[in-house]
Amino acid sequence: MSTDPRVALQALVSALEEHLTAVASRRGAQDPSVEAAFFAIADAFEEYEDALYEAYGEVTPLELYEDNEEELEDDAEDGEGSDAGGGLGEVGGDAARRPALGLVEVDEN
């Protein structure tokens, strides 16, 4: 049974709100509530994307991707930031193990 895209969208919005609450009340750099809220956004986004595609054959201009630690190290050595692709992932800390949200480049021609 597929999920209604509106229900999935509301779950995504709720996950974003819960993340903001967790970040605003963070109890240190490695607060597990922030980490859990971060992954809840990724899960809710995937659910929304799947529901949208199943219902309407459409996707968002965003995608989740995993950062590769080796690529991050290479970028640091080259003087490039790990966020060069337009991702919205956190810089530093456990960012290398977190999925990041990025914009998909669209060729309009």
PDB file of N, CA and C in Angstrom:
ATOM      1  N   MET A   1       0.842  -1.175   0.000  1.00  0.00           N
ATOM      2  CA  MET A   1       0.000   0.000   0.000  1.00  0.00           C
ATOM      3  C   MET A   1       0.890   1.243   0.000  1.00  0.00           C
ATOM      4  N   SER A   2       0.588   2.172  -0.867  1.00  0.00           N
ATOM      5  CA  SER A   2       1.403   3.373  -0.972  1.00  0.00           C
ATOM      6  C   SER A   2       0.901   4.458  -0.015  1.00  0.00           C
ATOM      7  N   THR A   3       1.811   5.339   0.330  1.00  0.00           N
ATOM      8  CA  THR A   3       1.516   6.444   1.234  1.00  0.00           C
ATOM      9  C   THR A   3       0.974   7.627   0.444  1.00  0.00           C
ATOM     10  N   ASP A   4      -0.002   8.310   0.993  1.00  0.00           N
ATOM     11  CA  ASP A   4      -0.522   9.537   0.395  1.00  0.00           C
ATOM     12  C   ASP A   4       0.590  10.585   0.467  1.00  0.00           C
ATOM     13  N   PRO A   5       0.920  11.240  -0.660  1.00  0.00           N
ATOM     14  CA  PRO A   5       1.983  12.240  -0.636  1.00  0.00           C
ATOM     15  C   PRO A   5       1.752  13.363   0.375  1.00  0.00           C
ATOM     16  N   ARG A   6       0.498  13.725   0.603  1.00  0.00           N
ATOM     17  CA  ARG A   6       0.227  14.793   1.577  1.00  0.00           C
ATOM     18  C   ARG A   6       0.579  14.351   3.000  1.00  0.00           C
ATOM     19  N   VAL A   7       0.320  13.089   3.299  1.00  0.00           N
ATOM     20  CA  VAL A   7       0.670  12.545   4.614  1.00  0.00           C
ATOM     21  C   VAL A   7       2.193  12.496   4.753  1.00  0.00           C
ATOM     22  N   ALA A   8       2.863  12.059   3.700  1.00  0.00           N
ATOM     23  CA  ALA A   8       4.330  11.991   3.726  1.00  0.00           C
ATOM     24  C   ALA A   8       4.931  13.389   3.837  1.00  0.00           C
ATOM     25  N   LEU A   9       4.345  14.359   3.154  1.00  0.00           N
ATOM     26  CA  LEU A   9       4.828  15.737   3.245  1.00  0.00           C
ATOM     27  C   LEU A   9       4.681  16.273   4.665  1.00  0.00           C
ATOM     28  N   GLN A  10       3.551  16.006   5.290  1.00  0.00           N
ATOM     29  CA  GLN A  10       3.347  16.464   6.664  1.00  0.00           C
ATOM     30  C   GLN A  10       4.356  15.810   7.607  1.00  0.00           C
ATOM     31  N   ALA A  11       4.680  14.538   7.362  1.00  0.00           N
ATOM     32  CA  ALA A  11       5.688  13.857   8.184  1.00  0.00           C
ATOM     33  C   ALA A  11       7.060  14.508   7.996  1.00  0.00           C
ATOM     34  N   LEU A  12       7.371  14.922   6.763  1.00  0.00           N
ATOM     35  CA  LEU A  12       8.637  15.608   6.494  1.00  0.00           C
ATOM     36  C   LEU A  12       8.689  16.954   7.211  1.00  0.00           C
ATOM     37  N   VAL A  13       7.620  17.705   7.131  1.00  0.00           N
ATOM     38  CA  VAL A  13       7.567  19.006   7.816  1.00  0.00           C
ATOM     39  C   VAL A  13       7.716  18.801   9.330  1.00  0.00           C
ATOM     40  N   SER A  14       7.063  17.799   9.866  1.00  0.00           N
ATOM     41  CA  SER A  14       7.173  17.511  11.302  1.00  0.00           C
ATOM     42  C   SER A  14       8.603  17.131  11.675  1.00  0.00           C
ATOM     43  N   ALA A  15       9.258  16.345  10.815  1.00  0.00           N
ATOM     44  CA  ALA A  15      10.647  15.959  11.075  1.00  0.00           C
ATOM     45  C   ALA A  15      11.557  17.187  11.073  1.00  0.00           C
ATOM     46  N   LEU A  16      11.313  18.113  10.159  1.00  0.00           N
ATOM     47  CA  LEU A  16      12.096  19.346  10.120  1.00  0.00           C
ATOM     48  C   LEU A  16      11.874  20.170  11.392  1.00  0.00           C
ATOM     49  N   GLU A  17      10.627  20.251  11.841  1.00  0.00           N
ATOM     50  CA  GLU A  17      10.323  20.990  13.068  1.00  0.00           C
ATOM     51  C   GLU A  17      10.978  20.340  14.284  1.00  0.00           C
ATOM     52  N   GLU A  18      10.962  19.006  14.339  1.00  0.00           N
ATOM     53  CA  GLU A  18      11.587  18.299  15.455  1.00  0.00           C
ATOM     54  C   GLU A  18      13.101  18.501  15.442  1.00  0.00           C
ATOM     55  N   HIS A  19      13.689  18.566  14.256  1.00  0.00           N
ATOM     56  CA  HIS A  19      15.123  18.820  14.148  1.00  0.00           C
ATOM     57  C   HIS A  19      15.458  20.208  14.687  1.00  0.00           C
ATOM     58  N   LEU A  20      14.665  21.199  14.315  1.00  0.00           N
ATOM     59  CA  LEU A  20      14.892  22.552  14.810  1.00  0.00           C
ATOM     60  C   LEU A  20      14.805  22.592  16.337  1.00  0.00           C
ATOM     61  N   THR A  21      13.821  21.928  16.890  1.00  0.00           N
ATOM     62  CA  THR A  21      13.668  21.869  18.342  1.00  0.00           C
ATOM     63  C   THR A  21      14.887  21.205  18.987  1.00  0.00           C
ATOM     64  N   ALA A  22      15.352  20.107  18.395  1.00  0.00           N
ATOM     65  CA  ALA A  22      16.514  19.399  18.946  1.00  0.00           C
ATOM     66  C   ALA A  22      17.772  20.255  18.870  1.00  0.00           C
ATOM     67  N   VAL A  23      17.959  20.952  17.758  1.00  0.00           N
ATOM     68  CA  VAL A  23      19.139  21.805  17.602  1.00  0.00           C
ATOM     69  C   VAL A  23      19.085  22.978  18.582  1.00  0.00           C
ATOM     70  N   ALA A  24      17.922  23.557  18.734  1.00  0.00           N
ATOM     71  CA  ALA A  24      17.776  24.709  19.625  1.00  0.00           C
ATOM     72  C   ALA A  24      18.013  24.337  21.091  1.00  0.00           C
ATOM     73  N   SER A  25      17.761  23.089  21.444  1.00  0.00           N
ATOM     74  CA  SER A  25      17.957  22.665  22.835  1.00  0.00           C
ATOM     75  C   SER A  25      19.130  21.687  22.974  1.00  0.00           C
ATOM     76  N   ARG A  26      20.063  21.739  22.054  1.00  0.00           N
ATOM     77  CA  ARG A  26      21.234  20.851  22.027  1.00  0.00           C
ATOM     78  C   ARG A  26      21.967  20.885  23.358  1.00  0.00           C
ATOM     79  N   ARG A  27      22.388  19.693  23.807  1.00  0.00           N
ATOM     80  CA  ARG A  27      23.118  19.554  25.065  1.00  0.00           C
ATOM     81  C   ARG A  27      24.564  19.132  24.818  1.00  0.00           C
ATOM     82  N   GLY A  28      25.190  19.685  23.809  1.00  0.00           N
ATOM     83  CA  GLY A  28      26.579  19.359  23.507  1.00  0.00           C
ATOM     84  C   GLY A  28      26.752  19.029  22.038  1.00  0.00           C
ATOM     85  N   ALA A  29      28.009  18.917  21.626  1.00  0.00           N
ATOM     86  CA  ALA A  29      28.326  18.701  20.211  1.00  0.00           C
ATOM     87  C   ALA A  29      27.823  17.358  19.686  1.00  0.00           C
ATOM     88  N   GLN A  30      27.752  16.360  20.525  1.00  0.00           N
ATOM     89  CA  GLN A  30      27.331  15.016  20.090  1.00  0.00           C
ATOM     90  C   GLN A  30      25.965  14.636  20.661  1.00  0.00           C
ATOM     91  N   ASP A  31      25.055  15.579  20.738  1.00  0.00           N
ATOM     92  CA  ASP A  31      23.730  15.331  21.305  1.00  0.00           C
ATOM     93  C   ASP A  31      22.990  14.278  20.480  1.00  0.00           C
ATOM     94  N   PRO A  32      22.622  13.152  21.084  1.00  0.00           N
ATOM     95  CA  PRO A  32      21.943  12.090  20.338  1.00  0.00           C
ATOM     96  C   PRO A  32      20.560  12.492  19.816  1.00  0.00           C
ATOM     97  N   SER A  33      19.911  13.455  20.450  1.00  0.00           N
ATOM     98  CA  SER A  33      18.590  13.869  19.954  1.00  0.00           C
ATOM     99  C   SER A  33      18.722  14.617  18.629  1.00  0.00           C
ATOM    100  N   VAL A  34      19.813  15.352  18.447  1.00  0.00           N
ATOM    101  CA  VAL A  34      20.049  16.048  17.181  1.00  0.00           C
ATOM    102  C   VAL A  34      20.349  15.019  16.094  1.00  0.00           C
ATOM    103  N   GLU A  35      21.174  14.043  16.429  1.00  0.00           N
ATOM    104  CA  GLU A  35      21.518  12.983  15.478  1.00  0.00           C
ATOM    105  C   GLU A  35      20.259  12.227  15.048  1.00  0.00           C
ATOM    106  N   ALA A  36      19.417  11.870  15.992  1.00  0.00           N
ATOM    107  CA  ALA A  36      18.180  11.143  15.673  1.00  0.00           C
ATOM    108  C   ALA A  36      17.259  11.994  14.805  1.00  0.00           C
ATOM    109  N   ALA A  37      17.157  13.269  15.120  1.00  0.00           N
ATOM    110  CA  ALA A  37      16.307  14.163  14.325  1.00  0.00           C
ATOM    111  C   ALA A  37      16.861  14.342  12.921  1.00  0.00           C
ATOM    112  N   PHE A  38      18.181  14.371  12.791  1.00  0.00           N
ATOM    113  CA  PHE A  38      18.817  14.487  11.489  1.00  0.00           C
ATOM    114  C   PHE A  38      18.420  13.312  10.597  1.00  0.00           C
ATOM    115  N   PHE A  39      18.552  12.098  11.127  1.00  0.00           N
ATOM    116  CA  PHE A  39      18.212  10.918  10.340  1.00  0.00           C
ATOM    117  C   PHE A  39      16.707  10.801  10.105  1.00  0.00           C
ATOM    118  N   ALA A  40      15.905  11.333  11.008  1.00  0.00           N
ATOM    119  CA  ALA A  40      14.447  11.331  10.801  1.00  0.00           C
ATOM    120  C   ALA A  40      14.077  12.184   9.590  1.00  0.00           C
ATOM    121  N   ILE A  41      14.797  13.292   9.385  1.00  0.00           N
ATOM    122  CA  ILE A  41      14.560  14.114   8.190  1.00  0.00           C
ATOM    123  C   ILE A  41      14.878  13.311   6.940  1.00  0.00           C
ATOM    124  N   ALA A  42      16.017  12.636   6.932  1.00  0.00           N
ATOM    125  CA  ALA A  42      16.409  11.848   5.759  1.00  0.00           C
ATOM    126  C   ALA A  42      15.368  10.768   5.458  1.00  0.00           C
ATOM    127  N   ASP A  43      14.909  10.072   6.493  1.00  0.00           N
ATOM    128  CA  ASP A  43      13.899   9.025   6.298  1.00  0.00           C
ATOM    129  C   ASP A  43      12.586   9.604   5.788  1.00  0.00           C
ATOM    130  N   ALA A  44      12.155  10.711   6.385  1.00  0.00           N
ATOM    131  CA  ALA A  44      10.886  11.333   5.973  1.00  0.00           C
ATOM    132  C   ALA A  44      10.978  11.866   4.546  1.00  0.00           C
ATOM    133  N   PHE A  45      12.145  12.408   4.174  1.00  0.00           N
ATOM    134  CA  PHE A  45      12.322  12.885   2.804  1.00  0.00           C
ATOM    135  C   PHE A  45      12.208  11.737   1.809  1.00  0.00           C
ATOM    136  N   GLU A  46      12.846  10.619   2.100  1.00  0.00           N
ATOM    137  CA  GLU A  46      12.771   9.461   1.200  1.00  0.00           C
ATOM    138  C   GLU A  46      11.329   8.963   1.064  1.00  0.00           C
ATOM    139  N   GLU A  47      10.605   8.941   2.170  1.00  0.00           N
ATOM    140  CA  GLU A  47       9.197   8.527   2.134  1.00  0.00           C
ATOM    141  C   GLU A  47       8.378   9.467   1.253  1.00  0.00           C
ATOM    142  N   TYR A  48       8.598  10.768   1.411  1.00  0.00           N
ATOM    143  CA  TYR A  48       7.876  11.753   0.610  1.00  0.00           C
ATOM    144  C   TYR A  48       8.216  11.605  -0.871  1.00  0.00           C
ATOM    145  N   GLU A  49       9.488  11.466  -1.167  1.00  0.00           N
ATOM    146  CA  GLU A  49       9.928  11.328  -2.558  1.00  0.00           C
ATOM    147  C   GLU A  49       9.296  10.083  -3.201  1.00  0.00           C
ATOM    148  N   ASP A  50       9.291   8.977  -2.466  1.00  0.00           N
ATOM    149  CA  ASP A  50       8.685   7.739  -2.979  1.00  0.00           C
ATOM    150  C   ASP A  50       7.187   7.905  -3.182  1.00  0.00           C
ATOM    151  N   ALA A  51       6.508   8.509  -2.212  1.00  0.00           N
ATOM    152  CA  ALA A  51       5.056   8.692  -2.310  1.00  0.00           C
ATOM    153  C   ALA A  51       4.698   9.614  -3.473  1.00  0.00           C
ATOM    154  N   LEU A  52       5.464  10.673  -3.646  1.00  0.00           N
ATOM    155  CA  LEU A  52       5.232  11.612  -4.742  1.00  0.00           C
ATOM    156  C   LEU A  52       5.407  10.926  -6.093  1.00  0.00           C
ATOM    157  N   TYR A  53       6.445  10.108  -6.203  1.00  0.00           N
ATOM    158  CA  TYR A  53       6.697   9.408  -7.464  1.00  0.00           C
ATOM    159  C   TYR A  53       5.617   8.371  -7.752  1.00  0.00           C
ATOM    160  N   GLU A  54       5.233   7.609  -6.726  1.00  0.00           N
ATOM    161  CA  GLU A  54       4.199   6.586  -6.915  1.00  0.00           C
ATOM    162  C   GLU A  54       2.861   7.205  -7.314  1.00  0.00           C
ATOM    163  N   ALA A  55       2.524   8.322  -6.713  1.00  0.00           N
ATOM    164  CA  ALA A  55       1.220   8.931  -6.974  1.00  0.00           C
ATOM    165  C   ALA A  55       1.182   9.721  -8.278  1.00  0.00           C
ATOM    166  N   TYR A  56       2.266  10.433  -8.587  1.00  0.00           N
ATOM    167  CA  TYR A  56       2.230  11.371  -9.712  1.00  0.00           C
ATOM    168  C   TYR A  56       3.354  11.213 -10.727  1.00  0.00           C
ATOM    169  N   GLY A  57       4.280  10.279 -10.495  1.00  0.00           N
ATOM    170  CA  GLY A  57       5.398  10.115 -11.407  1.00  0.00           C
ATOM    171  C   GLY A  57       6.323  11.320 -11.413  1.00  0.00           C
ATOM    172  N   GLU A  58       6.399  12.018 -10.290  1.00  0.00           N
ATOM    173  CA  GLU A  58       7.188  13.250 -10.179  1.00  0.00           C
ATOM    174  C   GLU A  58       8.150  13.125  -9.000  1.00  0.00           C
ATOM    175  N   VAL A  59       9.253  13.880  -9.062  1.00  0.00           N
ATOM    176  CA  VAL A  59      10.227  13.920  -7.979  1.00  0.00           C
ATOM    177  C   VAL A  59      10.540  15.371  -7.647  1.00  0.00           C
ATOM    178  N   THR A  60      11.230  15.585  -6.537  1.00  0.00           N
ATOM    179  CA  THR A  60      11.675  16.920  -6.151  1.00  0.00           C
ATOM    180  C   THR A  60      13.037  17.192  -6.794  1.00  0.00           C
ATOM    181  N   PRO A  61      13.490  18.433  -6.778  1.00  0.00           N
ATOM    182  CA  PRO A  61      14.822  18.729  -7.310  1.00  0.00           C
ATOM    183  C   PRO A  61      15.919  18.490  -6.273  1.00  0.00           C
ATOM    184  N   LEU A  62      15.656  17.661  -5.281  1.00  0.00           N
ATOM    185  CA  LEU A  62      16.597  17.367  -4.208  1.00  0.00           C
ATOM    186  C   LEU A  62      16.923  15.887  -4.210  1.00  0.00           C
ATOM    187  N   GLU A  63      18.090  15.548  -3.696  1.00  0.00           N
ATOM    188  CA  GLU A  63      18.427  14.147  -3.526  1.00  0.00           C
ATOM    189  C   GLU A  63      19.298  13.971  -2.303  1.00  0.00           C
ATOM    190  N   LEU A  64      19.209  12.790  -1.683  1.00  0.00           N
ATOM    191  CA  LEU A  64      20.068  12.441  -0.561  1.00  0.00           C
ATOM    192  C   LEU A  64      21.298  11.750  -1.117  1.00  0.00           C
ATOM    193  N   TYR A  65      22.440  12.038  -0.558  1.00  0.00           N
ATOM    194  CA  TYR A  65      23.641  11.328  -0.948  1.00  0.00           C
ATOM    195  C   TYR A  65      24.521  11.141   0.272  1.00  0.00           C
ATOM    196  N   GLU A  66      25.343  10.118   0.238  1.00  0.00           N
ATOM    197  CA  GLU A  66      26.263   9.826   1.332  1.00  0.00           C
ATOM    198  C   GLU A  66      27.614  10.418   0.981  1.00  0.00           C
ATOM    199  N   ASP A  67      28.215  11.159   1.911  1.00  0.00           N
ATOM    200  CA  ASP A  67      29.565  11.661   1.712  1.00  0.00           C
ATOM    201  C   ASP A  67      30.542  10.517   1.931  1.00  0.00           C
ATOM    202  N   ASN A  68      31.556  10.471   1.121  1.00  0.00           N
ATOM    203  CA  ASN A  68      32.606   9.474   1.249  1.00  0.00           C
ATOM    204  C   ASN A  68      33.763  10.111   2.005  1.00  0.00           C
ATOM    205  N   GLU A  69      34.218   9.469   3.079  1.00  0.00           N
ATOM    206  CA  GLU A  69      35.288  10.041   3.905  1.00  0.00           C
ATOM    207  C   GLU A  69      36.544  10.317   3.088  1.00  0.00           C
ATOM    208  N   GLU A  70      36.891   9.436   2.147  1.00  0.00           N
ATOM    209  CA  GLU A  70      38.084   9.645   1.328  1.00  0.00           C
ATOM    210  C   GLU A  70      37.930  10.895   0.474  1.00  0.00           C
ATOM    211  N   GLU A  71      36.743  11.109  -0.097  1.00  0.00           N
ATOM    212  CA  GLU A  71      36.506  12.295  -0.901  1.00  0.00           C
ATOM    213  C   GLU A  71      36.610  13.556  -0.045  1.00  0.00           C
ATOM    214  N   LEU A  72      36.103  13.489   1.185  1.00  0.00           N
ATOM    215  CA  LEU A  72      36.196  14.634   2.088  1.00  0.00           C
ATOM    216  C   LEU A  72      37.653  14.963   2.393  1.00  0.00           C
ATOM    217  N   GLU A  73      38.475  13.919   2.629  1.00  0.00           N
ATOM    218  CA  GLU A  73      39.887  14.146   2.900  1.00  0.00           C
ATOM    219  C   GLU A  73      40.583  14.727   1.676  1.00  0.00           C
ATOM    220  N   ASP A  74      40.274  14.197   0.481  1.00  0.00           N
ATOM    221  CA  ASP A  74      40.864  14.719  -0.750  1.00  0.00           C
ATOM    222  C   ASP A  74      40.478  16.172  -0.963  1.00  0.00           C
ATOM    223  N   ASP A  75      39.217  16.496  -0.727  1.00  0.00           N
ATOM    224  CA  ASP A  75      38.750  17.871  -0.882  1.00  0.00           C
ATOM    225  C   ASP A  75      39.471  18.799   0.088  1.00  0.00           C
ATOM    226  N   ALA A  76      39.676  18.340   1.322  1.00  0.00           N
ATOM    227  CA  ALA A  76      40.360  19.163   2.323  1.00  0.00           C
ATOM    228  C   ALA A  76      41.804  19.423   1.892  1.00  0.00           C
ATOM    229  N   GLU A  77      42.453  18.392   1.335  1.00  0.00           N
ATOM    230  CA  GLU A  77      43.827  18.560   0.868  1.00  0.00           C
ATOM    231  C   GLU A  77      43.886  19.515  -0.318  1.00  0.00           C
ATOM    232  N   ASP A  78      42.858  19.487  -1.181  1.00  0.00           N
ATOM    233  CA  ASP A  78      42.808  20.346  -2.357  1.00  0.00           C
ATOM    234  C   ASP A  78      42.315  21.753  -2.024  1.00  0.00           C
ATOM    235  N   GLY A  79      41.881  21.965  -0.776  1.00  0.00           N
ATOM    236  CA  GLY A  79      41.367  23.272  -0.374  1.00  0.00           C
ATOM    237  C   GLY A  79      39.919  23.481  -0.758  1.00  0.00           C
ATOM    238  N   GLU A  80      39.227  22.412  -1.125  1.00  0.00           N
ATOM    239  CA  GLU A  80      37.814  22.508  -1.499  1.00  0.00           C
ATOM    240  C   GLU A  80      36.966  22.140  -0.303  1.00  0.00           C
ATOM    241  N   GLY A  81      35.789  22.740  -0.226  1.00  0.00           N
ATOM    242  CA  GLY A  81      34.852  22.389   0.834  1.00  0.00           C
ATOM    243  C   GLY A  81      34.093  21.140   0.479  1.00  0.00           C
ATOM    244  N   SER A  82      33.613  20.405   1.471  1.00  0.00           N
ATOM    245  CA  SER A  82      32.844  19.198   1.221  1.00  0.00           C
ATOM    246  C   SER A  82      31.423  19.512   0.801  1.00  0.00           C
ATOM    247  N   ASP A  83      31.061  20.792   0.796  1.00  0.00           N
ATOM    248  CA  ASP A  83      29.694  21.188   0.487  1.00  0.00           C
ATOM    249  C   ASP A  83      29.596  21.822  -0.895  1.00  0.00           C
ATOM    250  N   ALA A  84      30.564  21.563  -1.764  1.00  0.00           N
ATOM    251  CA  ALA A  84      30.630  22.222  -3.057  1.00  0.00           C
ATOM    252  C   ALA A  84      29.456  21.892  -3.960  1.00  0.00           C
ATOM    253  N   GLY A  85      28.799  20.768  -3.750  1.00  0.00           N
ATOM    254  CA  GLY A  85      27.709  20.355  -4.613  1.00  0.00           C
ATOM    255  C   GLY A  85      26.370  20.951  -4.246  1.00  0.00           C
ATOM    256  N   GLY A  86      26.329  21.921  -3.372  1.00  0.00           N
ATOM    257  CA  GLY A  86      25.055  22.523  -2.996  1.00  0.00           C
ATOM    258  C   GLY A  86      24.357  21.766  -1.889  1.00  0.00           C
ATOM    259  N   GLY A  87      25.060  20.822  -1.243  1.00  0.00           N
ATOM    260  CA  GLY A  87      24.439  20.024  -0.197  1.00  0.00           C
ATOM    261  C   GLY A  87      24.145  20.856   1.034  1.00  0.00           C
ATOM    262  N   LEU A  88      23.258  20.348   1.856  1.00  0.00           N
ATOM    263  CA  LEU A  88      22.883  21.051   3.061  1.00  0.00           C
ATOM    264  C   LEU A  88      23.380  20.318   4.290  1.00  0.00           C
ATOM    265  N   GLY A  89      24.366  19.417   4.114  1.00  0.00           N
ATOM    266  CA  GLY A  89      24.883  18.637   5.223  1.00  0.00           C
ATOM    267  C   GLY A  89      25.705  19.481   6.171  1.00  0.00           C
ATOM    268  N   GLU A  90      25.896  18.986   7.360  1.00  0.00           N
ATOM    269  CA  GLU A  90      26.668  19.680   8.389  1.00  0.00           C
ATOM    270  C   GLU A  90      28.152  19.550   8.076  1.00  0.00           C
ATOM    271  N   VAL A  91      28.909  20.578   8.355  1.00  0.00           N
ATOM    272  CA  VAL A  91      30.350  20.560   8.134  1.00  0.00           C
ATOM    273  C   VAL A  91      31.028  20.133   9.421  1.00  0.00           C
ATOM    274  N   GLY A  92      31.995  19.202   9.323  1.00  0.00           N
ATOM    275  CA  GLY A  92      32.758  18.750  10.478  1.00  0.00           C
ATOM    276  C   GLY A  92      32.011  17.705  11.276  1.00  0.00           C
ATOM    277  N   GLY A  93      32.637  17.248  12.355  1.00  0.00           N
ATOM    278  CA  GLY A  93      32.020  16.259  13.234  1.00  0.00           C
ATOM    279  C   GLY A  93      31.730  14.965  12.520  1.00  0.00           C
ATOM    280  N   ASP A  94      30.509  14.474  12.654  1.00  0.00           N
ATOM    281  CA  ASP A  94      30.110  13.216  12.050  1.00  0.00           C
ATOM    282  C   ASP A  94      29.543  13.397  10.656  1.00  0.00           C
ATOM    283  N   ALA A  95      29.785  14.522  10.019  1.00  0.00           N
ATOM    284  CA  ALA A  95      29.191  14.808   8.709  1.00  0.00           C
ATOM    285  C   ALA A  95      29.532  13.749   7.680  1.00  0.00           C
ATOM    286  N   ALA A  96      30.712  13.135   7.773  1.00  0.00           N
ATOM    287  CA  ALA A  96      31.113  12.146   6.779  1.00  0.00           C
ATOM    288  C   ALA A  96      30.231  10.903   6.845  1.00  0.00           C
ATOM    289  N   ARG A  97      29.579  10.660   7.966  1.00  0.00           N
ATOM    290  CA  ARG A  97      28.727   9.482   8.085  1.00  0.00           C
ATOM    291  C   ARG A  97      27.252   9.814   7.914  1.00  0.00           C
ATOM    292  N   ARG A  98      26.938  11.059   7.671  1.00  0.00           N
ATOM    293  CA  ARG A  98      25.555  11.477   7.545  1.00  0.00           C
ATOM    294  C   ARG A  98      25.168  11.633   6.091  1.00  0.00           C
ATOM    295  N   PRO A  99      23.924  11.308   5.765  1.00  0.00           N
ATOM    296  CA  PRO A  99      23.470  11.630   4.415  1.00  0.00           C
ATOM    297  C   PRO A  99      23.332  13.146   4.307  1.00  0.00           C
ATOM    298  N   ALA A 100      23.524  13.662   3.132  1.00  0.00           N
ATOM    299  CA  ALA A 100      23.377  15.100   2.915  1.00  0.00           C
ATOM    300  C   ALA A 100      22.306  15.314   1.853  1.00  0.00           C
ATOM    301  N   LEU A 101      21.650  16.432   1.918  1.00  0.00           N
ATOM    302  CA  LEU A 101      20.613  16.782   0.975  1.00  0.00           C
ATOM    303  C   LEU A 101      21.192  17.789   0.008  1.00  0.00           C
ATOM    304  N   GLY A 102      21.070  17.529  -1.282  1.00  0.00           N
ATOM    305  CA  GLY A 102      21.626  18.425  -2.284  1.00  0.00           C
ATOM    306  C   GLY A 102      20.642  18.703  -3.386  1.00  0.00           C
ATOM    307  N   LEU A 103      20.885  19.772  -4.099  1.00  0.00           N
ATOM    308  CA  LEU A 103      20.054  20.121  -5.253  1.00  0.00           C
ATOM    309  C   LEU A 103      20.523  19.348  -6.473  1.00  0.00           C
ATOM    310  N   VAL A 104      19.597  18.891  -7.254  1.00  0.00           N
ATOM    311  CA  VAL A 104      19.907  18.217  -8.506  1.00  0.00           C
ATOM    312  C   VAL A 104      20.022  19.268  -9.578  1.00  0.00           C
ATOM    313  N   GLU A 105      21.114  19.221 -10.335  1.00  0.00           N
ATOM    314  CA  GLU A 105      21.256  20.178 -11.429  1.00  0.00           C
ATOM    315  C   GLU A 105      20.366  19.729 -12.585  1.00  0.00           C
ATOM    316  N   VAL A 106      19.556  20.652 -13.082  1.00  0.00           N
ATOM    317  CA  VAL A 106      18.601  20.360 -14.147  1.00  0.00           C
ATOM    318  C   VAL A 106      19.009  21.113 -15.401  1.00  0.00           C
ATOM    319  N   ASP A 107      19.138  20.393 -16.509  1.00  0.00           N
ATOM    320  CA  ASP A 107      19.438  21.009 -17.787  1.00  0.00           C
ATOM    321  C   ASP A 107      18.098  21.396 -18.420  1.00  0.00           C
ATOM    322  N   GLU A 108      17.834  22.681 -18.484  1.00  0.00           N
ATOM    323  CA  GLU A 108      16.538  23.158 -18.976  1.00  0.00           C
ATOM    324  C   GLU A 108      16.445  23.239 -20.485  1.00  0.00           C
ATOM    325  N   ASN A 109      17.507  22.881 -21.190  1.00  0.00           N
ATOM    326  CA  ASN A 109      17.486  22.941 -22.660  1.00  0.00           C
ATOM    327  C   ASN A 109      16.860  21.724 -23.254  1.00  0.00           C
TER     328      ASN A 109
END
